């Protein structure tokens, strides 16, 4: 039952934003009473926190599964990007920014976890790419992984990238290409160009 509530809450929060969705609406969609939800989550804040962690866990597991396939490092980055875009939808203003505005402690918890997972994933990807000769050998691992994460935070800033100028998918795509072009060797650039031409 708890999993069912979390899945429905995640669907509604991602599509409509955490502020605009009520406990009544979630209960109605599930065909249950609000009391049943409160039996598992005593407040909406508790539900928002559990849902945010639930979504984070699902995405982390999906990313880990992609990493375990040990594909070409450049292809791996694009597979992870596609996976994340599919699960986070294309709503730029609702979930992320409402979470930050109305539930700042939960937002900070999730962001810290995101940073830890992202830095570990990028470092491992960099090491594999350097060993394969498709990333430059002189890359500072910690700096490169952190600057990639900082860039992801930056493209979510509506003051820098107003809603309507780009979709979420476009921003993530451009950010990833920018990152890869900065770190690839000639061999890696050829792989990247081939991948981009295939997908265009």
N, C-alpha and C. Protein backbone atom coordinates (compact mmCIF):
# COMPACT_ATOMS: atom_id res chain seq x y z
N UNK A 1 0.82 -1.21 0.00
CA UNK A 1 0.00 0.00 0.00
C UNK A 1 0.86 1.27 0.00
N UNK A 2 1.92 1.23 0.82
CA UNK A 2 2.81 2.39 0.91
C UNK A 2 3.45 2.70 -0.45
N UNK A 3 3.89 1.64 -1.12
CA UNK A 3 4.52 1.78 -2.45
C UNK A 3 3.52 2.36 -3.46
N UNK A 4 2.28 1.91 -3.36
CA UNK A 4 1.22 2.38 -4.24
C UNK A 4 0.98 3.88 -4.04
N UNK A 5 0.96 4.32 -2.80
CA UNK A 5 0.77 5.74 -2.48
C UNK A 5 1.95 6.56 -3.00
N UNK A 6 3.16 6.06 -2.78
CA UNK A 6 4.36 6.78 -3.23
C UNK A 6 4.40 6.92 -4.75
N UNK A 7 4.03 5.86 -5.44
CA UNK A 7 4.04 5.90 -6.91
C UNK A 7 3.03 6.92 -7.45
N UNK A 8 1.85 6.94 -6.85
CA UNK A 8 0.82 7.89 -7.28
C UNK A 8 1.23 9.32 -6.93
N UNK A 9 1.77 9.51 -5.72
CA UNK A 9 2.23 10.85 -5.31
C UNK A 9 3.34 11.34 -6.23
N UNK A 10 4.27 10.45 -6.58
CA UNK A 10 5.36 10.82 -7.47
C UNK A 10 4.83 11.25 -8.83
N UNK A 11 3.89 10.49 -9.36
CA UNK A 11 3.29 10.82 -10.66
C UNK A 11 2.65 12.21 -10.64
N UNK A 12 1.89 12.49 -9.58
CA UNK A 12 1.18 13.78 -9.51
C UNK A 12 2.13 14.93 -9.21
N UNK A 13 3.08 14.73 -8.31
CA UNK A 13 4.04 15.79 -7.98
C UNK A 13 4.90 16.16 -9.18
N UNK A 14 5.34 15.15 -9.94
CA UNK A 14 6.19 15.41 -11.10
C UNK A 14 5.42 16.12 -12.21
N UNK A 15 4.16 15.80 -12.34
CA UNK A 15 3.36 16.40 -13.41
C UNK A 15 2.76 17.76 -13.05
N UNK A 16 2.40 17.91 -11.76
CA UNK A 16 1.67 19.12 -11.36
C UNK A 16 2.41 20.00 -10.34
N UNK A 17 3.44 19.44 -9.71
CA UNK A 17 4.15 20.21 -8.70
C UNK A 17 3.65 19.86 -7.31
N UNK A 18 4.54 19.96 -6.31
CA UNK A 18 4.21 19.52 -4.95
C UNK A 18 3.19 20.43 -4.27
N UNK A 19 3.21 21.70 -4.60
CA UNK A 19 2.33 22.66 -3.93
C UNK A 19 0.87 22.50 -4.35
N UNK A 20 0.65 22.26 -5.62
CA UNK A 20 -0.72 22.28 -6.15
C UNK A 20 -1.48 20.98 -5.91
N UNK A 21 -0.78 19.90 -5.56
CA UNK A 21 -1.44 18.61 -5.36
C UNK A 21 -1.86 18.46 -3.90
N UNK A 22 -3.12 18.09 -3.67
CA UNK A 22 -3.61 17.90 -2.30
C UNK A 22 -3.66 16.42 -1.94
N UNK A 23 -3.73 16.17 -0.63
CA UNK A 23 -3.86 14.79 -0.16
C UNK A 23 -5.19 14.21 -0.63
N UNK A 24 -6.22 15.04 -0.69
CA UNK A 24 -7.53 14.59 -1.17
C UNK A 24 -7.45 14.08 -2.61
N UNK A 25 -6.69 14.80 -3.45
CA UNK A 25 -6.57 14.41 -4.86
C UNK A 25 -5.84 13.08 -5.01
N UNK A 26 -4.78 12.91 -4.22
CA UNK A 26 -4.04 11.65 -4.27
C UNK A 26 -4.93 10.49 -3.81
N UNK A 27 -5.66 10.72 -2.70
CA UNK A 27 -6.57 9.69 -2.18
C UNK A 27 -7.65 9.36 -3.21
N UNK A 28 -8.21 10.41 -3.84
CA UNK A 28 -9.25 10.20 -4.84
C UNK A 28 -8.77 9.40 -6.02
N UNK A 29 -7.56 9.70 -6.50
CA UNK A 29 -7.00 8.96 -7.64
C UNK A 29 -6.76 7.49 -7.29
N UNK A 30 -6.45 7.24 -6.02
CA UNK A 30 -6.17 5.87 -5.59
C UNK A 30 -7.43 5.12 -5.16
N UNK A 31 -8.55 5.85 -5.09
CA UNK A 31 -9.80 5.22 -4.67
C UNK A 31 -9.78 4.82 -3.21
N UNK A 32 -9.14 5.62 -2.37
CA UNK A 32 -9.07 5.32 -0.95
C UNK A 32 -9.37 6.59 -0.15
N UNK A 33 -9.54 6.46 1.13
CA UNK A 33 -9.80 7.62 1.98
C UNK A 33 -8.48 8.31 2.32
N UNK A 34 -8.61 9.59 2.66
CA UNK A 34 -7.42 10.35 3.06
C UNK A 34 -6.82 9.76 4.34
N UNK A 35 -7.68 9.16 5.17
CA UNK A 35 -7.21 8.56 6.42
C UNK A 35 -6.19 7.45 6.16
N UNK A 36 -6.41 6.72 5.08
CA UNK A 36 -5.49 5.62 4.73
C UNK A 36 -4.10 6.16 4.44
N UNK A 37 -4.05 7.29 3.71
CA UNK A 37 -2.75 7.90 3.42
C UNK A 37 -2.11 8.40 4.71
N UNK A 38 -2.92 9.05 5.57
CA UNK A 38 -2.38 9.58 6.82
C UNK A 38 -1.92 8.47 7.78
N UNK A 39 -2.43 7.26 7.58
CA UNK A 39 -1.98 6.13 8.40
C UNK A 39 -0.52 5.78 8.08
N UNK A 40 -0.11 6.08 6.84
CA UNK A 40 1.27 5.81 6.42
C UNK A 40 2.16 7.05 6.48
N UNK A 41 1.56 8.21 6.21
CA UNK A 41 2.30 9.48 6.19
C UNK A 41 1.47 10.50 6.98
N UNK A 42 1.96 10.86 8.17
CA UNK A 42 1.15 11.67 9.09
C UNK A 42 0.88 13.09 8.62
N UNK A 43 1.72 13.61 7.72
CA UNK A 43 1.52 14.95 7.17
C UNK A 43 1.88 14.96 5.68
N UNK A 44 1.48 16.01 4.99
CA UNK A 44 1.84 16.12 3.59
C UNK A 44 3.36 16.26 3.45
N UNK A 45 3.97 16.96 4.40
CA UNK A 45 5.44 17.12 4.36
C UNK A 45 6.14 15.77 4.41
N UNK A 46 5.62 14.87 5.27
CA UNK A 46 6.20 13.52 5.36
C UNK A 46 6.03 12.78 4.03
N UNK A 47 4.89 12.97 3.39
CA UNK A 47 4.65 12.31 2.10
C UNK A 47 5.57 12.90 1.03
N UNK A 48 5.71 14.21 1.01
CA UNK A 48 6.60 14.86 0.04
C UNK A 48 8.03 14.36 0.21
N UNK A 49 8.49 14.27 1.45
CA UNK A 49 9.86 13.80 1.72
C UNK A 49 10.04 12.36 1.27
N UNK A 50 9.09 11.50 1.63
CA UNK A 50 9.18 10.09 1.26
C UNK A 50 9.12 9.92 -0.26
N UNK A 51 8.29 10.73 -0.91
CA UNK A 51 8.16 10.64 -2.37
C UNK A 51 9.43 11.11 -3.06
N UNK A 52 10.01 12.20 -2.58
CA UNK A 52 11.26 12.71 -3.16
C UNK A 52 12.37 11.67 -3.05
N UNK A 53 12.47 11.04 -1.89
CA UNK A 53 13.48 10.00 -1.68
C UNK A 53 13.18 8.77 -2.54
N UNK A 54 11.91 8.46 -2.70
CA UNK A 54 11.47 7.33 -3.53
C UNK A 54 11.88 7.54 -4.99
N UNK A 55 11.61 8.73 -5.51
CA UNK A 55 11.97 9.06 -6.90
C UNK A 55 13.49 9.04 -7.07
N UNK A 56 14.19 9.64 -6.09
CA UNK A 56 15.65 9.65 -6.13
C UNK A 56 16.21 8.23 -6.16
N UNK A 57 15.65 7.35 -5.33
CA UNK A 57 16.12 5.96 -5.26
C UNK A 57 15.89 5.23 -6.58
N UNK A 58 14.71 5.42 -7.16
CA UNK A 58 14.39 4.78 -8.43
C UNK A 58 15.36 5.21 -9.53
N UNK A 59 15.63 6.51 -9.59
CA UNK A 59 16.54 7.04 -10.62
C UNK A 59 17.96 6.53 -10.36
N UNK A 60 18.38 6.52 -9.09
CA UNK A 60 19.72 6.03 -8.75
C UNK A 60 19.90 4.57 -9.16
N UNK A 61 18.86 3.76 -8.92
CA UNK A 61 18.92 2.35 -9.30
C UNK A 61 18.99 2.18 -10.81
N UNK A 62 18.25 3.02 -11.53
CA UNK A 62 18.29 2.96 -12.99
C UNK A 62 19.65 3.35 -13.54
N UNK A 63 20.24 4.39 -12.95
CA UNK A 63 21.58 4.83 -13.37
C UNK A 63 22.61 3.74 -13.08
N UNK A 64 22.50 3.11 -11.90
CA UNK A 64 23.43 2.04 -11.55
C UNK A 64 23.32 0.88 -12.52
N UNK A 65 22.11 0.55 -12.93
CA UNK A 65 21.91 -0.55 -13.88
C UNK A 65 22.57 -0.23 -15.22
N UNK A 66 22.49 1.02 -15.65
CA UNK A 66 23.14 1.44 -16.90
C UNK A 66 24.66 1.35 -16.75
N UNK A 67 25.17 1.79 -15.60
CA UNK A 67 26.62 1.74 -15.36
C UNK A 67 27.14 0.32 -15.39
N UNK A 68 26.35 -0.61 -14.86
CA UNK A 68 26.78 -2.00 -14.78
C UNK A 68 26.87 -2.67 -16.15
N UNK A 69 26.25 -2.06 -17.15
CA UNK A 69 26.33 -2.61 -18.51
C UNK A 69 27.72 -2.39 -19.13
N UNK A 70 28.49 -1.46 -18.52
CA UNK A 70 29.87 -1.18 -18.96
C UNK A 70 29.95 -0.86 -20.45
N UNK A 71 29.06 -0.04 -20.92
CA UNK A 71 29.09 0.39 -22.32
C UNK A 71 30.19 1.42 -22.53
N UNK A 72 30.39 1.80 -23.78
CA UNK A 72 31.31 2.89 -24.10
C UNK A 72 30.96 4.09 -23.21
N UNK A 73 31.96 4.75 -22.57
CA UNK A 73 31.68 5.84 -21.63
C UNK A 73 30.83 6.98 -22.21
N UNK A 74 31.04 7.32 -23.47
CA UNK A 74 30.23 8.39 -24.08
C UNK A 74 28.79 7.93 -24.25
N UNK A 75 28.62 6.71 -24.75
CA UNK A 75 27.27 6.16 -24.89
C UNK A 75 26.58 6.06 -23.53
N UNK A 76 27.34 5.68 -22.50
CA UNK A 76 26.79 5.57 -21.15
C UNK A 76 26.21 6.91 -20.69
N UNK A 77 26.93 7.99 -20.95
CA UNK A 77 26.46 9.32 -20.54
C UNK A 77 25.13 9.66 -21.22
N UNK A 78 24.99 9.30 -22.48
CA UNK A 78 23.75 9.59 -23.20
C UNK A 78 22.61 8.68 -22.74
N UNK A 79 22.93 7.44 -22.40
CA UNK A 79 21.89 6.54 -21.89
C UNK A 79 21.36 7.02 -20.54
N UNK A 80 22.26 7.49 -19.69
CA UNK A 80 21.85 8.02 -18.38
C UNK A 80 21.04 9.29 -18.56
N UNK A 81 21.46 10.13 -19.49
CA UNK A 81 20.71 11.37 -19.77
C UNK A 81 19.30 11.05 -20.23
N UNK A 82 19.16 10.09 -21.15
CA UNK A 82 17.84 9.70 -21.66
C UNK A 82 16.96 9.12 -20.56
N UNK A 83 17.57 8.30 -19.71
CA UNK A 83 16.84 7.69 -18.61
C UNK A 83 16.33 8.75 -17.64
N UNK A 84 17.19 9.70 -17.27
CA UNK A 84 16.80 10.75 -16.32
C UNK A 84 15.70 11.63 -16.90
N UNK A 85 15.83 11.99 -18.17
CA UNK A 85 14.81 12.84 -18.82
C UNK A 85 13.45 12.14 -18.85
N UNK A 86 13.46 10.84 -19.10
CA UNK A 86 12.21 10.08 -19.15
C UNK A 86 11.51 10.09 -17.79
N UNK A 87 12.29 9.97 -16.73
CA UNK A 87 11.70 9.87 -15.39
C UNK A 87 11.38 11.21 -14.75
N UNK A 88 12.03 12.27 -15.19
CA UNK A 88 11.80 13.58 -14.57
C UNK A 88 10.83 14.45 -15.36
N UNK A 89 10.31 13.94 -16.48
CA UNK A 89 9.36 14.68 -17.32
C UNK A 89 10.02 15.93 -17.88
N UNK A 90 9.19 16.83 -18.38
CA UNK A 90 9.73 18.05 -18.99
C UNK A 90 9.22 19.31 -18.29
N UNK A 91 8.76 19.15 -17.07
CA UNK A 91 8.25 20.30 -16.33
C UNK A 91 9.42 21.00 -15.64
N UNK A 92 9.73 22.21 -16.06
CA UNK A 92 10.86 22.91 -15.47
C UNK A 92 10.50 23.64 -14.19
N UNK A 93 9.30 24.20 -14.12
CA UNK A 93 8.99 25.07 -12.99
C UNK A 93 8.33 24.37 -11.81
N UNK A 94 7.62 23.28 -12.07
CA UNK A 94 6.81 22.71 -10.99
C UNK A 94 7.59 21.96 -9.91
N UNK A 95 8.03 20.71 -10.15
CA UNK A 95 8.51 19.91 -9.03
C UNK A 95 9.76 20.47 -8.35
N UNK A 96 10.81 20.71 -9.12
CA UNK A 96 12.09 21.13 -8.57
C UNK A 96 12.00 22.45 -7.83
N UNK A 97 11.36 23.42 -8.44
CA UNK A 97 11.36 24.76 -7.87
C UNK A 97 10.35 24.90 -6.75
N UNK A 98 9.24 24.17 -6.82
CA UNK A 98 8.30 24.18 -5.71
C UNK A 98 8.90 23.47 -4.50
N UNK A 99 9.65 22.41 -4.73
CA UNK A 99 10.32 21.71 -3.65
C UNK A 99 11.30 22.65 -2.95
N UNK A 100 12.07 23.38 -3.74
CA UNK A 100 13.05 24.31 -3.18
C UNK A 100 12.37 25.44 -2.40
N UNK A 101 11.25 25.93 -2.91
CA UNK A 101 10.56 27.07 -2.29
C UNK A 101 9.78 26.69 -1.04
N UNK A 102 9.04 25.58 -1.11
CA UNK A 102 8.12 25.23 -0.03
C UNK A 102 8.66 24.17 0.94
N UNK A 103 9.64 23.40 0.47
CA UNK A 103 10.21 22.35 1.32
C UNK A 103 11.74 22.40 1.22
N UNK A 104 12.36 23.51 1.65
CA UNK A 104 13.81 23.69 1.45
C UNK A 104 14.69 22.63 2.10
N UNK A 105 14.29 22.13 3.26
CA UNK A 105 15.12 21.10 3.92
C UNK A 105 15.13 19.80 3.11
N UNK A 106 13.96 19.44 2.59
CA UNK A 106 13.88 18.23 1.76
C UNK A 106 14.68 18.44 0.48
N UNK A 107 14.56 19.63 -0.10
CA UNK A 107 15.31 19.96 -1.32
C UNK A 107 16.81 19.81 -1.09
N UNK A 108 17.31 20.33 0.02
CA UNK A 108 18.75 20.26 0.32
C UNK A 108 19.20 18.82 0.54
N UNK A 109 18.36 18.02 1.20
CA UNK A 109 18.70 16.61 1.41
C UNK A 109 18.85 15.88 0.09
N UNK A 110 17.88 16.11 -0.80
CA UNK A 110 17.91 15.44 -2.11
C UNK A 110 19.09 15.94 -2.92
N UNK A 111 19.36 17.23 -2.88
CA UNK A 111 20.47 17.78 -3.67
C UNK A 111 21.81 17.21 -3.21
N UNK A 112 21.98 17.06 -1.90
CA UNK A 112 23.22 16.47 -1.37
C UNK A 112 23.39 15.03 -1.85
N UNK A 113 22.28 14.28 -1.83
CA UNK A 113 22.33 12.89 -2.30
C UNK A 113 22.61 12.85 -3.80
N UNK A 114 21.99 13.75 -4.56
CA UNK A 114 22.23 13.83 -6.00
C UNK A 114 23.70 14.09 -6.29
N UNK A 115 24.28 15.02 -5.53
CA UNK A 115 25.68 15.36 -5.74
C UNK A 115 26.58 14.16 -5.49
N UNK A 116 26.33 13.43 -4.41
CA UNK A 116 27.15 12.26 -4.08
C UNK A 116 27.09 11.20 -5.18
N UNK A 117 25.87 10.92 -5.64
CA UNK A 117 25.69 9.91 -6.69
C UNK A 117 26.31 10.38 -8.01
N UNK A 118 26.06 11.64 -8.36
CA UNK A 118 26.53 12.18 -9.63
C UNK A 118 28.06 12.23 -9.68
N UNK A 119 28.67 12.69 -8.60
CA UNK A 119 30.13 12.78 -8.60
C UNK A 119 30.78 11.40 -8.72
N UNK A 120 30.22 10.42 -8.02
CA UNK A 120 30.76 9.06 -8.09
C UNK A 120 30.61 8.50 -9.51
N UNK A 121 29.44 8.75 -10.12
CA UNK A 121 29.18 8.24 -11.47
C UNK A 121 30.10 8.90 -12.49
N UNK A 122 30.25 10.22 -12.39
CA UNK A 122 31.08 10.94 -13.35
C UNK A 122 32.55 10.55 -13.20
N UNK A 123 33.03 10.43 -11.98
CA UNK A 123 34.43 10.02 -11.75
C UNK A 123 34.71 8.67 -12.39
N UNK A 124 33.81 7.73 -12.16
CA UNK A 124 33.99 6.39 -12.73
C UNK A 124 33.96 6.43 -14.25
N UNK A 125 33.04 7.24 -14.79
CA UNK A 125 32.94 7.39 -16.24
C UNK A 125 34.22 8.03 -16.81
N UNK A 126 34.74 9.03 -16.11
CA UNK A 126 35.97 9.69 -16.55
C UNK A 126 37.15 8.72 -16.56
N UNK A 127 37.26 7.94 -15.50
CA UNK A 127 38.37 6.98 -15.40
C UNK A 127 38.32 5.96 -16.54
N UNK A 128 37.12 5.48 -16.84
CA UNK A 128 36.98 4.51 -17.93
C UNK A 128 37.29 5.15 -19.28
N UNK A 129 36.82 6.39 -19.47
CA UNK A 129 37.07 7.09 -20.72
C UNK A 129 38.54 7.42 -20.93
N UNK A 130 39.22 7.77 -19.84
CA UNK A 130 40.67 8.07 -19.92
C UNK A 130 41.45 6.79 -20.24
N UNK A 131 41.06 5.70 -19.61
CA UNK A 131 41.73 4.41 -19.87
C UNK A 131 41.53 3.95 -21.30
N UNK A 132 40.37 4.28 -21.87
CA UNK A 132 40.06 3.88 -23.25
C UNK A 132 40.64 4.84 -24.29
N UNK A 133 41.21 5.95 -23.82
CA UNK A 133 41.81 6.91 -24.74
C UNK A 133 40.81 7.84 -25.43
N UNK A 134 39.57 7.88 -24.92
CA UNK A 134 38.59 8.78 -25.55
C UNK A 134 38.39 10.07 -24.75
N UNK A 135 38.90 10.09 -23.49
CA UNK A 135 38.93 11.32 -22.70
C UNK A 135 40.39 11.70 -22.47
N UNK A 136 40.64 12.99 -22.34
CA UNK A 136 42.00 13.47 -22.11
C UNK A 136 42.59 12.88 -20.83
N UNK A 137 43.89 12.62 -20.87
CA UNK A 137 44.57 12.00 -19.72
C UNK A 137 44.80 12.97 -18.57
N UNK A 138 44.74 14.28 -18.85
CA UNK A 138 45.10 15.28 -17.84
C UNK A 138 43.89 15.83 -17.07
N UNK A 139 42.76 15.16 -17.12
CA UNK A 139 41.55 15.68 -16.49
C UNK A 139 41.63 15.58 -14.96
N UNK A 140 41.36 16.67 -14.25
CA UNK A 140 41.27 16.61 -12.79
C UNK A 140 39.91 16.01 -12.42
N UNK A 141 39.89 14.81 -11.86
CA UNK A 141 38.66 14.07 -11.66
C UNK A 141 37.64 14.79 -10.77
N UNK A 142 38.07 15.23 -9.59
CA UNK A 142 37.13 15.87 -8.66
C UNK A 142 36.57 17.15 -9.24
N UNK A 143 37.42 17.99 -9.82
CA UNK A 143 36.96 19.25 -10.40
C UNK A 143 35.98 19.00 -11.54
N UNK A 144 36.34 18.08 -12.44
CA UNK A 144 35.50 17.82 -13.61
C UNK A 144 34.14 17.27 -13.22
N UNK A 145 34.12 16.37 -12.24
CA UNK A 145 32.84 15.80 -11.81
C UNK A 145 31.99 16.85 -11.10
N UNK A 146 32.63 17.72 -10.32
CA UNK A 146 31.87 18.76 -9.61
C UNK A 146 31.37 19.84 -10.56
N UNK A 147 32.18 20.21 -11.52
CA UNK A 147 31.76 21.27 -12.45
C UNK A 147 30.62 20.77 -13.32
N UNK A 148 30.59 19.47 -13.60
CA UNK A 148 29.47 18.89 -14.35
C UNK A 148 28.18 19.03 -13.54
N UNK A 149 28.28 18.72 -12.24
CA UNK A 149 27.10 18.82 -11.36
C UNK A 149 26.65 20.28 -11.22
N UNK A 150 27.60 21.18 -11.07
CA UNK A 150 27.28 22.61 -10.98
C UNK A 150 26.55 23.07 -12.24
N UNK A 151 26.99 22.58 -13.38
CA UNK A 151 26.34 22.93 -14.65
C UNK A 151 24.90 22.45 -14.70
N UNK A 152 24.66 21.25 -14.18
CA UNK A 152 23.29 20.72 -14.13
C UNK A 152 22.40 21.59 -13.26
N UNK A 153 22.95 22.08 -12.15
CA UNK A 153 22.18 22.99 -11.29
C UNK A 153 21.92 24.30 -12.01
N UNK A 154 22.94 24.78 -12.73
CA UNK A 154 22.83 26.07 -13.42
C UNK A 154 21.77 26.10 -14.50
N UNK A 155 21.63 25.00 -15.24
CA UNK A 155 20.64 25.01 -16.33
C UNK A 155 19.21 24.95 -15.80
N UNK A 156 19.05 24.65 -14.50
CA UNK A 156 17.72 24.65 -13.89
C UNK A 156 17.32 26.03 -13.37
N UNK A 157 18.26 26.98 -13.43
CA UNK A 157 18.00 28.34 -12.94
C UNK A 157 17.15 29.10 -13.95
N UNK A 158 15.92 29.43 -13.58
CA UNK A 158 15.00 30.10 -14.50
C UNK A 158 15.41 31.54 -14.81
N UNK A 159 16.23 32.15 -13.96
CA UNK A 159 16.73 33.49 -14.26
C UNK A 159 17.76 33.44 -15.39
N UNK A 160 18.55 32.37 -15.40
CA UNK A 160 19.56 32.21 -16.45
C UNK A 160 18.96 31.63 -17.73
N UNK A 161 18.05 30.68 -17.56
CA UNK A 161 17.42 30.01 -18.70
C UNK A 161 15.90 30.05 -18.52
N UNK A 162 15.28 31.17 -18.88
CA UNK A 162 13.83 31.33 -18.65
C UNK A 162 13.02 30.24 -19.34
N UNK A 163 11.93 29.87 -18.68
CA UNK A 163 11.03 28.87 -19.22
C UNK A 163 10.48 29.39 -20.55
N UNK A 164 10.47 28.55 -21.55
CA UNK A 164 10.02 28.97 -22.87
C UNK A 164 11.18 29.10 -23.85
N UNK A 165 12.38 29.40 -23.33
CA UNK A 165 13.56 29.48 -24.20
C UNK A 165 14.03 28.09 -24.62
N UNK A 166 14.01 27.18 -23.66
CA UNK A 166 14.44 25.80 -23.92
C UNK A 166 13.55 24.83 -23.13
N UNK A 167 13.46 23.61 -23.62
CA UNK A 167 12.84 22.56 -22.82
C UNK A 167 13.93 21.97 -21.91
N UNK A 168 13.49 21.23 -20.91
CA UNK A 168 14.45 20.56 -20.02
C UNK A 168 15.36 19.63 -20.83
N UNK A 169 14.76 18.87 -21.73
CA UNK A 169 15.53 17.92 -22.54
C UNK A 169 16.60 18.63 -23.37
N UNK A 170 16.26 19.78 -23.97
CA UNK A 170 17.22 20.54 -24.77
C UNK A 170 18.39 21.02 -23.92
N UNK A 171 18.08 21.54 -22.73
CA UNK A 171 19.13 22.04 -21.85
C UNK A 171 20.08 20.93 -21.41
N UNK A 172 19.52 19.79 -21.03
CA UNK A 172 20.36 18.68 -20.59
C UNK A 172 21.20 18.15 -21.74
N UNK A 173 20.61 18.10 -22.93
CA UNK A 173 21.34 17.65 -24.13
C UNK A 173 22.51 18.58 -24.43
N UNK A 174 22.27 19.87 -24.42
CA UNK A 174 23.32 20.85 -24.73
C UNK A 174 24.41 20.84 -23.65
N UNK A 175 23.99 20.70 -22.41
CA UNK A 175 24.96 20.67 -21.30
C UNK A 175 25.86 19.44 -21.42
N UNK A 176 25.29 18.29 -21.75
CA UNK A 176 26.09 17.07 -21.87
C UNK A 176 27.06 17.17 -23.04
N UNK A 177 26.61 17.69 -24.18
CA UNK A 177 27.52 17.83 -25.32
C UNK A 177 28.65 18.80 -24.99
N UNK A 178 28.31 19.89 -24.32
CA UNK A 178 29.32 20.89 -23.90
C UNK A 178 30.37 20.23 -23.01
N UNK A 179 29.92 19.42 -22.04
CA UNK A 179 30.81 18.71 -21.12
C UNK A 179 31.74 17.76 -21.89
N UNK A 180 31.15 16.96 -22.78
CA UNK A 180 31.94 15.96 -23.49
C UNK A 180 32.96 16.60 -24.44
N UNK A 181 32.55 17.65 -25.14
CA UNK A 181 33.48 18.29 -26.08
C UNK A 181 34.68 18.90 -25.35
N UNK A 182 34.50 19.22 -24.08
CA UNK A 182 35.61 19.79 -23.30
C UNK A 182 36.61 18.73 -22.84
N UNK A 183 36.21 17.46 -22.83
CA UNK A 183 37.08 16.44 -22.23
C UNK A 183 37.53 15.35 -23.21
N UNK A 184 36.97 15.30 -24.41
CA UNK A 184 37.32 14.20 -25.32
C UNK A 184 38.66 14.42 -26.02
N UNK A 185 39.25 13.30 -26.43
CA UNK A 185 40.43 13.32 -27.31
C UNK A 185 39.91 13.33 -28.75
N UNK A 186 40.81 13.31 -29.70
CA UNK A 186 40.38 13.22 -31.11
C UNK A 186 39.58 11.94 -31.34
N UNK A 187 40.03 10.85 -30.74
CA UNK A 187 39.33 9.57 -30.85
C UNK A 187 37.92 9.68 -30.25
N UNK A 188 37.83 10.33 -29.09
CA UNK A 188 36.54 10.51 -28.43
C UNK A 188 35.62 11.43 -29.21
N UNK A 189 36.20 12.47 -29.83
CA UNK A 189 35.41 13.42 -30.62
C UNK A 189 34.77 12.71 -31.82
N UNK A 190 35.52 11.81 -32.42
CA UNK A 190 34.99 11.06 -33.55
C UNK A 190 33.80 10.20 -33.11
N UNK A 191 33.94 9.56 -31.94
CA UNK A 191 32.84 8.75 -31.40
C UNK A 191 31.63 9.62 -31.09
N UNK A 192 31.88 10.78 -30.48
CA UNK A 192 30.79 11.69 -30.11
C UNK A 192 30.06 12.19 -31.35
N UNK A 193 30.81 12.61 -32.35
CA UNK A 193 30.19 13.12 -33.58
C UNK A 193 29.36 12.04 -34.27
N UNK A 194 29.88 10.82 -34.27
CA UNK A 194 29.16 9.70 -34.89
C UNK A 194 27.84 9.45 -34.14
N UNK A 195 27.92 9.50 -32.81
CA UNK A 195 26.72 9.27 -31.98
C UNK A 195 25.70 10.37 -32.21
N UNK A 196 26.15 11.62 -32.26
CA UNK A 196 25.24 12.76 -32.47
C UNK A 196 24.61 12.71 -33.87
N UNK A 197 25.40 12.33 -34.87
CA UNK A 197 24.87 12.25 -36.24
C UNK A 197 23.84 11.13 -36.37
N UNK A 198 24.08 10.04 -35.62
CA UNK A 198 23.16 8.91 -35.66
C UNK A 198 21.82 9.28 -35.02
N UNK A 199 21.88 10.09 -33.96
CA UNK A 199 20.67 10.44 -33.20
C UNK A 199 19.96 11.69 -33.72
N UNK A 200 20.59 12.39 -34.67
CA UNK A 200 19.98 13.66 -35.14
C UNK A 200 18.86 13.40 -36.14
